[in-house]
Amino acid sequence: KPIFTEFVRQSRHTKKLLDKNGEFTINVPLKGVDRKAILGFCGSKSGRDVDKIKEMDLHLEEPDVISVPGIKEFPITLECKVVYKQDQDLSAIAEDKRLRYYAPGTANDGDYHTAYYGEVLAAYIIED
């Protein structure tokens, strides 16, 4: 089975949604989209506080198989259903990476990731 693995920090709003729904889309931009601006905004704001779709003037696309929509401006789309998830094992993270990404006393101290393994149920490019 084709599997896509995504890692989500414990503190993220996305984790709450994934744990509740168990489905996700992966949306990849093609040329012509200011992806740095969009990804920069979306990566620095929480969906708890901001409607990212509205703020970035993005458009949702109905999914083929799952309940989570795609994003028209990021047309390469994978529709995935979680088949397995696992919290990170602190002892399995290389020490240099643990210190770099989860340093004690920083905002990321203890904010580890959960790995979500999603079976790819559909893959397509959203057409205009």
C-alpha atoms as a PDB file:
ATOM      1  CA  LYS A   1       0.000   0.000   0.000  1.00  0.00           C
ATOM      2  CA  PRO A   2       1.276   3.494  -0.730  1.00  0.00           C
ATOM      3  CA  ILE A   3       1.907   5.331   2.544  1.00  0.00           C
ATOM      4  CA  PHE A   4       2.681   8.990   3.248  1.00  0.00           C
ATOM      5  CA  THR A   5       4.176   9.791   6.650  1.00  0.00           C
ATOM      6  CA  GLU A   6       3.726  13.196   8.211  1.00  0.00           C
ATOM      7  CA  PHE A   7       5.100  14.417  11.518  1.00  0.00           C
ATOM      8  CA  VAL A   8       3.019  16.826  13.605  1.00  0.00           C
ATOM      9  CA  ARG A   9       4.089  18.501  16.845  1.00  0.00           C
ATOM     10  CA  GLN A  10       2.064  17.684  19.945  1.00  0.00           C
ATOM     11  CA  SER A  11       1.032  21.327  20.409  1.00  0.00           C
ATOM     12  CA  ARG A  12      -0.345  21.878  16.894  1.00  0.00           C
ATOM     13  CA  HIS A  13      -4.011  22.379  16.126  1.00  0.00           C
ATOM     14  CA  THR A  14      -3.497  19.957  13.227  1.00  0.00           C
ATOM     15  CA  LYS A  15      -2.783  17.144  15.718  1.00  0.00           C
ATOM     16  CA  LYS A  16      -6.133  17.664  17.406  1.00  0.00           C
ATOM     17  CA  LEU A  17      -7.887  17.538  14.029  1.00  0.00           C
ATOM     18  CA  LEU A  18      -5.979  14.443  12.892  1.00  0.00           C
ATOM     19  CA  ASP A  19      -6.716  12.594  16.118  1.00  0.00           C
ATOM     20  CA  LYS A  20     -10.418  13.403  15.745  1.00  0.00           C
ATOM     21  CA  ASN A  21     -10.862  12.770  12.006  1.00  0.00           C
ATOM     22  CA  GLY A  22      -8.033  10.416  10.992  1.00  0.00           C
ATOM     23  CA  GLU A  23      -7.842  11.787   7.438  1.00  0.00           C
ATOM     24  CA  PHE A  24      -5.605  14.352   5.764  1.00  0.00           C
ATOM     25  CA  THR A  25      -4.609  15.728   2.399  1.00  0.00           C
ATOM     26  CA  ILE A  26      -1.124  16.578   1.232  1.00  0.00           C
ATOM     27  CA  ASN A  27      -1.240  19.538  -1.160  1.00  0.00           C
ATOM     28  CA  VAL A  28       1.787  20.541  -3.236  1.00  0.00           C
ATOM     29  CA  PRO A  29       2.069  23.786  -5.231  1.00  0.00           C
ATOM     30  CA  LEU A  30       3.074  24.076  -8.851  1.00  0.00           C
ATOM     31  CA  LYS A  31       4.672  27.125 -10.484  1.00  0.00           C
ATOM     32  CA  GLY A  32       2.860  30.454 -10.363  1.00  0.00           C
ATOM     33  CA  VAL A  33       1.975  30.424  -6.659  1.00  0.00           C
ATOM     34  CA  ASP A  34       3.827  32.541  -4.116  1.00  0.00           C
ATOM     35  CA  ARG A  35       4.384  29.486  -1.975  1.00  0.00           C
ATOM     36  CA  LYS A  36       6.954  31.160   0.263  1.00  0.00           C
ATOM     37  CA  ALA A  37       4.398  33.785   1.303  1.00  0.00           C
ATOM     38  CA  ILE A  38       1.602  31.247   1.741  1.00  0.00           C
ATOM     39  CA  LEU A  39       3.705  28.657   3.541  1.00  0.00           C
ATOM     40  CA  GLY A  40       5.374  31.342   5.646  1.00  0.00           C
ATOM     41  CA  PHE A  41       2.005  32.676   6.770  1.00  0.00           C
ATOM     42  CA  CYS A  42       0.417  29.267   7.287  1.00  0.00           C
ATOM     43  CA  GLY A  43       3.473  27.945   9.113  1.00  0.00           C
ATOM     44  CA  SER A  44       3.544  30.862  11.535  1.00  0.00           C
ATOM     45  CA  LYS A  45      -0.181  31.094  12.354  1.00  0.00           C
ATOM     46  CA  SER A  46      -2.419  28.625  14.124  1.00  0.00           C
ATOM     47  CA  GLY A  47      -5.718  27.471  12.716  1.00  0.00           C
ATOM     48  CA  ARG A  48      -7.051  27.884  16.271  1.00  0.00           C
ATOM     49  CA  ASP A  49      -6.727  31.649  15.868  1.00  0.00           C
ATOM     50  CA  VAL A  50      -6.817  32.416  12.142  1.00  0.00           C
ATOM     51  CA  ASP A  51      -8.831  31.226   9.151  1.00  0.00           C
ATOM     52  CA  LYS A  52      -5.802  30.602   6.918  1.00  0.00           C
ATOM     53  CA  ILE A  53      -7.898  29.775   3.860  1.00  0.00           C
ATOM     54  CA  LYS A  54      -9.720  33.107   4.076  1.00  0.00           C
ATOM     55  CA  GLU A  55      -6.654  35.163   5.004  1.00  0.00           C
ATOM     56  CA  MET A  56      -4.569  33.805   2.108  1.00  0.00           C
ATOM     57  CA  ASP A  57      -7.508  33.836  -0.359  1.00  0.00           C
ATOM     58  CA  LEU A  58      -7.174  30.114  -1.009  1.00  0.00           C
ATOM     59  CA  HIS A  59      -9.919  27.916  -2.434  1.00  0.00           C
ATOM     60  CA  LEU A  60     -10.949  24.470  -1.213  1.00  0.00           C
ATOM     61  CA  GLU A  61     -11.564  21.610  -3.601  1.00  0.00           C
ATOM     62  CA  GLU A  62     -13.967  18.751  -2.845  1.00  0.00           C
ATOM     63  CA  PRO A  63     -12.102  15.505  -2.120  1.00  0.00           C
ATOM     64  CA  ASP A  64     -12.665  12.322  -4.138  1.00  0.00           C
ATOM     65  CA  VAL A  65     -12.525   9.748  -1.330  1.00  0.00           C
ATOM     66  CA  ILE A  66     -12.059  11.264   2.145  1.00  0.00           C
ATOM     67  CA  SER A  67     -13.730  14.136   4.003  1.00  0.00           C
ATOM     68  CA  VAL A  68     -10.799  16.584   3.976  1.00  0.00           C
ATOM     69  CA  PRO A  69     -10.690  19.019   1.026  1.00  0.00           C
ATOM     70  CA  GLY A  70      -7.715  19.834  -1.156  1.00  0.00           C
ATOM     71  CA  ILE A  71      -6.420  23.321  -1.897  1.00  0.00           C
ATOM     72  CA  LYS A  72      -6.885  24.510  -5.473  1.00  0.00           C
ATOM     73  CA  GLU A  73      -3.740  26.669  -5.427  1.00  0.00           C
ATOM     74  CA  PHE A  74      -1.680  23.627  -4.340  1.00  0.00           C
ATOM     75  CA  PRO A  75      -3.043  21.222  -6.950  1.00  0.00           C
ATOM     76  CA  ILE A  76      -0.941  18.072  -6.505  1.00  0.00           C
ATOM     77  CA  THR A  77      -3.119  16.262  -3.990  1.00  0.00           C
ATOM     78  CA  LEU A  78      -2.821  13.070  -1.966  1.00  0.00           C
ATOM     79  CA  GLU A  79      -5.870  11.977   0.010  1.00  0.00           C
ATOM     80  CA  CYS A  80      -4.781   9.908   3.008  1.00  0.00           C
ATOM     81  CA  LYS A  81      -6.389   7.923   5.815  1.00  0.00           C
ATOM     82  CA  VAL A  82      -4.360   7.321   8.974  1.00  0.00           C
ATOM     83  CA  VAL A  83      -3.532   3.645   9.387  1.00  0.00           C
ATOM     84  CA  TYR A  84      -0.981   4.025  12.186  1.00  0.00           C
ATOM     85  CA  LYS A  85       0.362   6.731  14.463  1.00  0.00           C
ATOM     86  CA  GLN A  86       3.215   6.803  16.915  1.00  0.00           C
ATOM     87  CA  ASP A  87       4.630   9.385  19.306  1.00  0.00           C
ATOM     88  CA  GLN A  88       8.340  10.010  18.989  1.00  0.00           C
ATOM     89  CA  ASP A  89      10.642   8.006  21.198  1.00  0.00           C
ATOM     90  CA  LEU A  90      12.991  10.566  22.769  1.00  0.00           C
ATOM     91  CA  SER A  91      15.752   7.978  23.146  1.00  0.00           C
ATOM     92  CA  ALA A  92      15.626   7.225  19.392  1.00  0.00           C
ATOM     93  CA  ILE A  93      16.360  10.827  18.344  1.00  0.00           C
ATOM     94  CA  ALA A  94      20.025  11.574  17.643  1.00  0.00           C
ATOM     95  CA  GLU A  95      21.367  13.797  20.406  1.00  0.00           C
ATOM     96  CA  ASP A  96      22.430  16.616  18.067  1.00  0.00           C
ATOM     97  CA  LYS A  97      18.917  16.697  16.541  1.00  0.00           C
ATOM     98  CA  ARG A  98      17.247  16.487  19.946  1.00  0.00           C
ATOM     99  CA  LEU A  99      19.293  19.469  21.152  1.00  0.00           C
ATOM    100  CA  ARG A 100      18.685  21.420  17.947  1.00  0.00           C
ATOM    101  CA  TYR A 101      14.923  20.882  17.615  1.00  0.00           C
ATOM    102  CA  TYR A 102      13.779  20.157  21.182  1.00  0.00           C
ATOM    103  CA  ALA A 103      16.298  22.013  23.343  1.00  0.00           C
ATOM    104  CA  PRO A 104      15.480  22.187  27.047  1.00  0.00           C
ATOM    105  CA  GLY A 105      14.277  25.620  28.100  1.00  0.00           C
ATOM    106  CA  THR A 106      13.081  26.593  24.598  1.00  0.00           C
ATOM    107  CA  ALA A 107       9.554  26.854  23.224  1.00  0.00           C
ATOM    108  CA  ASN A 108       9.976  23.378  21.695  1.00  0.00           C
ATOM    109  CA  ASP A 109      11.128  21.722  24.933  1.00  0.00           C
ATOM    110  CA  GLY A 110       8.965  18.612  25.223  1.00  0.00           C
ATOM    111  CA  ASP A 111       6.936  19.514  22.110  1.00  0.00           C
ATOM    112  CA  TYR A 112       7.753  16.335  20.246  1.00  0.00           C
ATOM    113  CA  HIS A 113       6.113  14.993  17.118  1.00  0.00           C
ATOM    114  CA  THR A 114       3.615  12.269  16.408  1.00  0.00           C
ATOM    115  CA  ALA A 115       4.166  10.350  13.171  1.00  0.00           C
ATOM    116  CA  TYR A 116       0.985   9.749  11.207  1.00  0.00           C
ATOM    117  CA  TYR A 117       1.163   7.050   8.545  1.00  0.00           C
ATOM    118  CA  GLY A 118      -1.545   7.697   5.981  1.00  0.00           C
ATOM    119  CA  GLU A 119      -2.582   5.212   3.337  1.00  0.00           C
ATOM    120  CA  VAL A 120      -2.818   7.138   0.061  1.00  0.00           C
ATOM    121  CA  LEU A 121      -6.357   6.487  -1.182  1.00  0.00           C
ATOM    122  CA  ALA A 122      -6.330   8.969  -4.067  1.00  0.00           C
ATOM    123  CA  ALA A 123      -3.697  10.999  -5.892  1.00  0.00           C
ATOM    124  CA  TYR A 124      -4.420  13.628  -8.559  1.00  0.00           C
ATOM    125  CA  ILE A 125      -3.806  17.136  -9.837  1.00  0.00           C
ATOM    126  CA  ILE A 126      -6.647  19.600  -9.334  1.00  0.00           C
ATOM    127  CA  GLU A 127      -7.514  21.111 -12.712  1.00  0.00           C
ATOM    128  CA  ASP A 128      -8.851  24.634 -13.234  1.00  0.00           C
END
